[in-house]
């Protein structure tokens, strides 16, 4: 599976299609939070992070991921802060 491809098991979009986009970046996640929205870690391994982007009310909007080591470490550090 390459970057930007749908994540296996991804939730279907409004029209029943898998959601996908370019690999998510640290800046994307920070900007998401700055605008009052939240994100949740769906899967985190040493090789990949899969993130669910949600509205400020917790409603899922998109499912994104990346295999970039710096993003994986960022997600891991945020998870330890969130408790």
N, C-alpha and C. Protein backbone atom coordinates (compact mmCIF):
# COMPACT_ATOMS: atom_id res chain seq x y z
N UNK A 1 0.86 -1.18 0.00
CA UNK A 1 0.00 0.00 0.00
C UNK A 1 0.90 1.24 0.00
N UNK A 2 0.70 2.14 -0.94
CA UNK A 2 1.49 3.36 -1.00
C UNK A 2 0.79 4.51 -0.31
N UNK A 3 1.51 5.61 -0.18
CA UNK A 3 0.93 6.78 0.46
C UNK A 3 -0.19 7.31 -0.40
N UNK A 4 -1.25 7.80 0.25
CA UNK A 4 -2.37 8.38 -0.45
C UNK A 4 -3.42 7.37 -0.90
N UNK A 5 -3.14 6.06 -0.72
CA UNK A 5 -4.11 5.05 -1.08
C UNK A 5 -5.07 4.84 0.08
N UNK A 6 -6.27 4.36 -0.21
CA UNK A 6 -7.21 4.11 0.88
C UNK A 6 -6.64 3.13 1.89
N UNK A 7 -6.95 3.34 3.12
CA UNK A 7 -6.49 2.49 4.21
C UNK A 7 -7.44 1.30 4.30
N UNK A 8 -6.90 0.07 4.37
CA UNK A 8 -7.79 -1.08 4.51
C UNK A 8 -8.70 -0.90 5.72
N UNK A 9 -9.96 -1.21 5.56
CA UNK A 9 -10.90 -1.06 6.66
C UNK A 9 -11.38 0.36 6.86
N UNK A 10 -11.01 1.26 5.96
CA UNK A 10 -11.42 2.66 6.10
C UNK A 10 -12.93 2.77 6.05
N UNK A 11 -13.44 3.78 6.71
CA UNK A 11 -14.88 4.02 6.70
C UNK A 11 -15.28 4.55 5.34
N UNK A 12 -16.47 4.24 4.95
CA UNK A 12 -16.98 4.70 3.67
C UNK A 12 -17.37 6.15 3.75
N UNK A 13 -17.20 6.85 2.65
CA UNK A 13 -17.61 8.25 2.57
C UNK A 13 -19.11 8.35 2.38
N UNK A 14 -19.57 9.57 2.22
CA UNK A 14 -21.00 9.81 2.07
C UNK A 14 -21.64 9.07 0.91
N UNK A 15 -20.86 8.77 -0.12
CA UNK A 15 -21.40 8.07 -1.28
C UNK A 15 -20.96 6.62 -1.31
N UNK A 16 -20.50 6.09 -0.15
CA UNK A 16 -20.13 4.68 -0.08
C UNK A 16 -18.74 4.37 -0.59
N UNK A 17 -17.92 5.40 -0.82
CA UNK A 17 -16.57 5.18 -1.31
C UNK A 17 -15.58 5.40 -0.18
N UNK A 18 -14.42 4.73 -0.30
CA UNK A 18 -13.37 4.93 0.69
C UNK A 18 -12.82 6.33 0.60
N UNK A 19 -12.52 6.90 1.75
CA UNK A 19 -11.92 8.22 1.79
C UNK A 19 -10.41 8.08 1.66
N UNK A 20 -9.79 8.92 0.89
CA UNK A 20 -8.33 8.91 0.80
C UNK A 20 -7.87 10.29 0.35
N UNK A 21 -6.59 10.55 0.58
CA UNK A 21 -6.00 11.81 0.16
C UNK A 21 -4.50 11.69 0.27
N UNK A 22 -3.81 12.75 0.01
CA UNK A 22 -2.36 12.74 0.16
C UNK A 22 -2.00 12.44 1.62
N UNK A 23 -0.81 11.92 1.85
CA UNK A 23 -0.41 11.62 3.23
C UNK A 23 -0.55 12.84 4.14
N UNK A 24 -1.05 12.62 5.33
CA UNK A 24 -1.23 13.69 6.30
C UNK A 24 0.13 14.12 6.85
N UNK A 25 0.24 15.40 7.21
CA UNK A 25 1.48 15.94 7.77
C UNK A 25 1.22 16.44 9.19
N UNK A 26 2.29 16.69 9.92
CA UNK A 26 2.17 17.28 11.25
C UNK A 26 1.46 18.63 11.15
N UNK A 27 1.80 19.40 10.14
CA UNK A 27 1.18 20.71 9.95
C UNK A 27 -0.32 20.58 9.72
N UNK A 28 -0.73 19.55 8.99
CA UNK A 28 -2.17 19.32 8.78
C UNK A 28 -2.88 19.09 10.11
N UNK A 29 -2.30 18.24 10.96
CA UNK A 29 -2.93 17.93 12.25
C UNK A 29 -2.96 19.15 13.16
N UNK A 30 -1.88 19.93 13.17
CA UNK A 30 -1.85 21.14 13.99
C UNK A 30 -2.88 22.16 13.51
N UNK A 31 -2.98 22.33 12.20
CA UNK A 31 -3.96 23.27 11.63
C UNK A 31 -5.38 22.80 11.95
N UNK A 32 -5.61 21.50 11.87
CA UNK A 32 -6.92 20.93 12.19
C UNK A 32 -7.33 21.31 13.61
N UNK A 33 -6.40 21.14 14.56
CA UNK A 33 -6.67 21.48 15.96
C UNK A 33 -6.83 22.99 16.15
N UNK A 34 -6.02 23.78 15.48
CA UNK A 34 -6.10 25.24 15.61
C UNK A 34 -7.48 25.76 15.21
N UNK A 35 -8.16 25.03 14.34
CA UNK A 35 -9.49 25.45 13.90
C UNK A 35 -10.60 24.84 14.76
N UNK A 36 -10.23 24.26 15.88
CA UNK A 36 -11.21 23.77 16.83
C UNK A 36 -11.67 22.34 16.62
N UNK A 37 -11.13 21.67 15.63
CA UNK A 37 -11.51 20.29 15.36
C UNK A 37 -10.59 19.34 16.14
N UNK A 38 -10.91 18.07 16.09
CA UNK A 38 -10.09 17.09 16.80
C UNK A 38 -9.67 15.97 15.85
N UNK A 39 -8.67 15.22 16.26
CA UNK A 39 -8.29 14.03 15.51
C UNK A 39 -8.03 12.90 16.49
N UNK A 40 -8.24 11.68 16.02
CA UNK A 40 -8.06 10.50 16.85
C UNK A 40 -7.14 9.51 16.14
N UNK A 41 -6.31 8.87 16.91
CA UNK A 41 -5.45 7.82 16.36
C UNK A 41 -6.27 6.55 16.20
N UNK A 42 -6.32 6.03 14.99
CA UNK A 42 -7.04 4.79 14.71
C UNK A 42 -6.08 3.62 14.83
N UNK A 43 -4.87 3.79 14.28
CA UNK A 43 -3.85 2.75 14.34
C UNK A 43 -2.49 3.43 14.37
N UNK A 44 -1.62 2.91 15.20
CA UNK A 44 -0.27 3.47 15.31
C UNK A 44 0.71 2.33 15.47
N UNK A 45 1.58 2.18 14.48
CA UNK A 45 2.64 1.19 14.54
C UNK A 45 3.96 1.90 14.28
N UNK A 46 5.03 1.17 14.31
CA UNK A 46 6.33 1.77 13.99
C UNK A 46 6.44 2.12 12.51
N UNK A 47 5.54 1.57 11.70
CA UNK A 47 5.59 1.79 10.25
C UNK A 47 4.54 2.75 9.72
N UNK A 48 3.44 2.97 10.47
CA UNK A 48 2.34 3.78 9.92
C UNK A 48 1.45 4.34 11.03
N UNK A 49 0.92 5.54 10.76
CA UNK A 49 -0.09 6.14 11.62
C UNK A 49 -1.34 6.35 10.77
N UNK A 50 -2.48 5.92 11.30
CA UNK A 50 -3.76 6.14 10.65
C UNK A 50 -4.58 7.01 11.59
N UNK A 51 -5.09 8.11 11.08
CA UNK A 51 -5.75 9.14 11.87
C UNK A 51 -7.15 9.39 11.35
N UNK A 52 -8.09 9.55 12.27
CA UNK A 52 -9.46 9.94 11.92
C UNK A 52 -9.61 11.42 12.24
N UNK A 53 -9.89 12.22 11.22
CA UNK A 53 -10.14 13.65 11.41
C UNK A 53 -11.61 13.83 11.75
N UNK A 54 -11.90 14.58 12.81
CA UNK A 54 -13.28 14.74 13.29
C UNK A 54 -13.63 16.21 13.44
N UNK A 55 -14.91 16.49 13.46
CA UNK A 55 -15.38 17.84 13.74
C UNK A 55 -15.12 18.14 15.22
N UNK A 56 -15.40 19.35 15.63
CA UNK A 56 -15.24 19.71 17.04
C UNK A 56 -16.22 18.94 17.92
N UNK A 57 -17.25 18.36 17.33
CA UNK A 57 -18.22 17.56 18.07
C UNK A 57 -17.87 16.07 18.08
N UNK A 58 -16.78 15.72 17.41
CA UNK A 58 -16.34 14.33 17.38
C UNK A 58 -16.87 13.51 16.22
N UNK A 59 -17.57 14.14 15.28
CA UNK A 59 -18.09 13.43 14.12
C UNK A 59 -16.97 13.18 13.11
N UNK A 60 -16.74 11.94 12.68
CA UNK A 60 -15.68 11.65 11.70
C UNK A 60 -15.92 12.37 10.38
N UNK A 61 -14.85 12.90 9.82
CA UNK A 61 -14.91 13.61 8.55
C UNK A 61 -14.05 12.90 7.50
N UNK A 62 -12.87 12.43 7.90
CA UNK A 62 -11.94 11.84 6.95
C UNK A 62 -11.03 10.87 7.68
N UNK A 63 -10.46 9.95 6.94
CA UNK A 63 -9.50 9.00 7.47
C UNK A 63 -8.22 9.17 6.67
N UNK A 64 -7.13 9.50 7.33
CA UNK A 64 -5.87 9.80 6.67
C UNK A 64 -4.75 9.00 7.33
N UNK A 65 -3.62 8.96 6.67
CA UNK A 65 -2.49 8.23 7.25
C UNK A 65 -1.19 8.65 6.62
N UNK A 66 -0.11 8.15 7.21
CA UNK A 66 1.22 8.43 6.71
C UNK A 66 2.19 7.40 7.27
N UNK A 67 3.26 7.17 6.52
CA UNK A 67 4.32 6.31 7.02
C UNK A 67 5.59 7.13 7.30
N UNK A 68 5.44 8.45 7.37
CA UNK A 68 6.58 9.33 7.66
C UNK A 68 6.98 9.19 9.13
N UNK A 69 8.25 8.87 9.40
CA UNK A 69 8.69 8.67 10.79
C UNK A 69 8.42 9.86 11.71
N UNK A 70 8.55 11.09 11.19
CA UNK A 70 8.32 12.26 12.03
C UNK A 70 6.85 12.40 12.42
N UNK A 71 5.94 12.03 11.52
CA UNK A 71 4.52 12.08 11.86
C UNK A 71 4.18 10.98 12.88
N UNK A 72 4.72 9.80 12.69
CA UNK A 72 4.48 8.71 13.63
C UNK A 72 4.93 9.11 15.03
N UNK A 73 6.10 9.72 15.14
CA UNK A 73 6.61 10.16 16.45
C UNK A 73 5.73 11.27 17.03
N UNK A 74 5.27 12.19 16.19
CA UNK A 74 4.38 13.27 16.66
C UNK A 74 3.09 12.69 17.22
N UNK A 75 2.48 11.76 16.50
CA UNK A 75 1.23 11.15 16.96
C UNK A 75 1.47 10.40 18.26
N UNK A 76 2.58 9.69 18.34
CA UNK A 76 2.91 8.96 19.57
C UNK A 76 3.08 9.93 20.74
N UNK A 77 3.74 11.06 20.52
CA UNK A 77 3.95 12.04 21.61
C UNK A 77 2.64 12.69 22.03
N UNK A 78 1.74 12.92 21.09
CA UNK A 78 0.44 13.51 21.42
C UNK A 78 -0.42 12.52 22.20
N UNK A 79 -0.33 11.26 21.86
CA UNK A 79 -1.10 10.22 22.57
C UNK A 79 -0.68 10.14 24.03
N UNK A 80 0.62 10.30 24.29
CA UNK A 80 1.08 10.24 25.68
C UNK A 80 0.63 11.46 26.46
N UNK A 81 0.45 12.59 25.80
CA UNK A 81 -0.04 13.81 26.46
C UNK A 81 -1.52 13.72 26.78
N UNK A 82 -2.26 13.08 25.90
CA UNK A 82 -3.72 13.00 26.05
C UNK A 82 -4.12 12.01 27.14
N UNK A 83 -3.17 11.16 27.53
CA UNK A 83 -3.46 10.20 28.61
C UNK A 83 -4.19 9.05 28.11
